[in-house]
């Protein structure tokens, strides 16, 4: 993510919208959190693909871990839980978009079995900045 975008983030912004979304989630949706000593330190969001997808699968919309908790297995645990949720929903594929140049995330996803598909996109919808992303997928 661009540094200017990250510097401008406000953790309390959009809480009402998020709360309302979580109170009435769409079909095939999962929001999972990881806590350490009672503090929320990571989360993942799983849902229907937000792009044209020929596969009957789900998309890992988000996987975020506070930097102080990187490389402690939290992301890997959230990915395992996303895979389990997808299998329970009887889908055959899990996909995610990863920002180009995010070597740590790319390595983490690949170590969990995700493979880069070759599909790419550029989007500024989330941040207002053009983000170049690559699609990763894993068969379940």
Protein backbone atom coordinates (compact mmCIF):
# COMPACT_ATOMS: atom_id res chain seq x y z
CA UNK A 1 0.00 0.00 0.00
CA UNK A 2 1.23 3.52 -0.67
CA UNK A 3 2.79 5.18 2.39
CA UNK A 4 0.53 8.23 2.05
CA UNK A 5 -2.56 6.01 2.17
CA UNK A 6 -1.32 4.06 5.20
CA UNK A 7 -0.38 7.26 7.06
CA UNK A 8 -3.91 8.59 6.59
CA UNK A 9 -5.73 5.52 7.92
CA UNK A 10 -8.02 5.99 10.90
CA UNK A 11 -8.87 2.77 12.73
CA UNK A 12 -12.15 4.24 14.00
CA UNK A 13 -13.36 5.40 10.59
CA UNK A 14 -16.16 3.42 8.97
CA UNK A 15 -16.87 1.38 12.12
CA UNK A 16 -20.64 1.89 11.78
CA UNK A 17 -20.60 0.70 8.17
CA UNK A 18 -18.52 -2.33 9.11
CA UNK A 19 -20.76 -3.15 12.06
CA UNK A 20 -23.84 -2.95 9.86
CA UNK A 21 -22.22 -5.19 7.22
CA UNK A 22 -21.24 -7.78 9.79
CA UNK A 23 -24.73 -7.76 11.31
CA UNK A 24 -26.24 -8.80 7.95
CA UNK A 25 -23.46 -10.56 6.01
CA UNK A 26 -24.01 -11.73 2.43
CA UNK A 27 -24.14 -15.41 1.55
CA UNK A 28 -20.81 -17.22 1.50
CA UNK A 29 -19.14 -14.70 3.81
CA UNK A 30 -16.81 -15.12 6.78
CA UNK A 31 -15.07 -12.58 9.01
CA UNK A 32 -12.43 -14.09 11.29
CA UNK A 33 -10.24 -12.37 13.87
CA UNK A 34 -7.08 -13.30 15.74
CA UNK A 35 -6.46 -12.02 19.24
CA UNK A 36 -3.37 -11.97 21.42
CA UNK A 37 -3.90 -11.26 25.11
CA UNK A 38 -7.41 -9.98 24.35
CA UNK A 39 -6.25 -7.52 21.67
CA UNK A 40 -7.38 -7.79 18.05
CA UNK A 41 -4.17 -8.18 16.02
CA UNK A 42 -5.29 -9.77 12.73
CA UNK A 43 -8.36 -10.48 10.65
CA UNK A 44 -9.47 -12.10 7.42
CA UNK A 45 -12.55 -11.66 5.25
CA UNK A 46 -13.76 -14.44 2.94
CA UNK A 47 -16.55 -14.00 0.40
CA UNK A 48 -17.82 -14.57 -3.10
CA UNK A 49 -15.33 -13.50 -5.79
CA UNK A 50 -15.53 -9.78 -6.57
CA UNK A 51 -14.30 -10.33 -10.12
CA UNK A 52 -15.20 -12.45 -13.10
CA UNK A 53 -14.20 -15.94 -12.10
CA UNK A 54 -14.79 -19.11 -14.08
CA UNK A 55 -14.19 -21.27 -11.01
CA UNK A 56 -16.78 -22.11 -8.38
CA UNK A 57 -14.80 -20.72 -5.50
CA UNK A 58 -14.41 -18.05 -2.89
CA UNK A 59 -12.11 -15.07 -2.57
CA UNK A 60 -10.02 -14.15 0.44
CA UNK A 61 -10.98 -10.47 0.31
CA UNK A 62 -8.59 -9.39 3.05
CA UNK A 63 -5.91 -10.75 5.32
CA UNK A 64 -4.33 -8.20 7.63
CA UNK A 65 -1.93 -8.71 10.53
CA UNK A 66 -0.49 -5.88 12.62
CA UNK A 67 3.24 -5.60 11.76
CA UNK A 68 4.30 -6.29 15.37
CA UNK A 69 2.72 -9.74 14.97
CA UNK A 70 4.14 -10.70 11.56
CA UNK A 71 5.94 -14.04 11.27
CA UNK A 72 4.20 -15.51 14.30
CA UNK A 73 1.82 -17.81 12.40
CA UNK A 74 -1.31 -15.67 12.68
CA UNK A 75 -1.68 -15.15 8.94
CA UNK A 76 -1.07 -18.83 8.29
CA UNK A 77 -3.72 -19.70 10.89
CA UNK A 78 -6.24 -17.36 9.27
CA UNK A 79 -5.50 -18.92 5.88
CA UNK A 80 -6.08 -22.42 7.32
CA UNK A 81 -9.40 -21.23 8.72
CA UNK A 82 -10.37 -19.68 5.37
CA UNK A 83 -9.56 -22.96 3.60
CA UNK A 84 -11.65 -24.89 6.14
CA UNK A 85 -14.59 -22.49 5.75
CA UNK A 86 -14.39 -22.76 1.95
CA UNK A 87 -14.33 -26.56 2.11
CA UNK A 88 -17.33 -26.52 4.44
CA UNK A 89 -19.18 -24.44 1.83
CA UNK A 90 -18.20 -27.11 -0.72
CA UNK A 91 -16.26 -24.85 -3.05
CA UNK A 92 -13.32 -26.15 -5.05
CA UNK A 93 -11.05 -23.11 -5.19
CA UNK A 94 -9.88 -20.24 -3.02
CA UNK A 95 -8.53 -17.09 -4.67
CA UNK A 96 -6.93 -13.85 -3.50
CA UNK A 97 -5.45 -10.71 -5.01
CA UNK A 98 -2.00 -9.67 -3.81
CA UNK A 99 -0.42 -6.27 -4.43
CA UNK A 100 2.57 -6.55 -6.75
CA UNK A 101 5.83 -5.98 -4.93
CA UNK A 102 4.52 -7.20 -1.56
CA UNK A 103 7.17 -9.91 -1.39
CA UNK A 104 6.38 -10.93 2.19
CA UNK A 105 2.70 -11.54 1.41
CA UNK A 106 3.52 -13.31 -1.86
CA UNK A 107 5.95 -15.65 -0.09
CA UNK A 108 3.43 -16.33 2.69
CA UNK A 109 0.65 -17.18 0.24
CA UNK A 110 2.94 -19.40 -1.83
CA UNK A 111 4.11 -21.21 1.32
CA UNK A 112 0.44 -21.97 2.05
CA UNK A 113 0.01 -23.54 -1.39
CA UNK A 114 -1.37 -20.62 -3.40
CA UNK A 115 -0.14 -20.35 -6.98
CA UNK A 116 0.04 -17.20 -9.09
CA UNK A 117 -2.46 -17.63 -11.95
CA UNK A 118 -1.02 -15.05 -14.35
CA UNK A 119 -4.14 -12.88 -14.15
CA UNK A 120 -3.45 -9.27 -13.18
CA UNK A 121 -5.44 -6.11 -12.60
CA UNK A 122 -4.95 -2.49 -11.62
CA UNK A 123 -7.48 -0.91 -9.30
CA UNK A 124 -7.78 2.30 -7.32
CA UNK A 125 -11.23 1.53 -5.88
CA UNK A 126 -10.10 0.74 -2.33
CA UNK A 127 -7.39 3.34 -1.78
CA UNK A 128 -7.70 6.00 -4.47
CA UNK A 129 -4.19 4.96 -5.59
CA UNK A 130 -3.54 2.67 -8.56
CA UNK A 131 -2.61 -0.72 -7.11
CA UNK A 132 -1.23 -3.43 -9.38
CA UNK A 133 -2.39 -6.83 -8.20
CA UNK A 134 -1.81 -10.46 -9.14
CA UNK A 135 -4.35 -13.24 -8.67
CA UNK A 136 -3.33 -16.27 -6.59
CA UNK A 137 -5.42 -19.44 -6.24
CA UNK A 138 -5.40 -22.83 -4.57
CA UNK A 139 -7.50 -25.89 -5.37
CA UNK A 140 -9.28 -27.31 -2.34
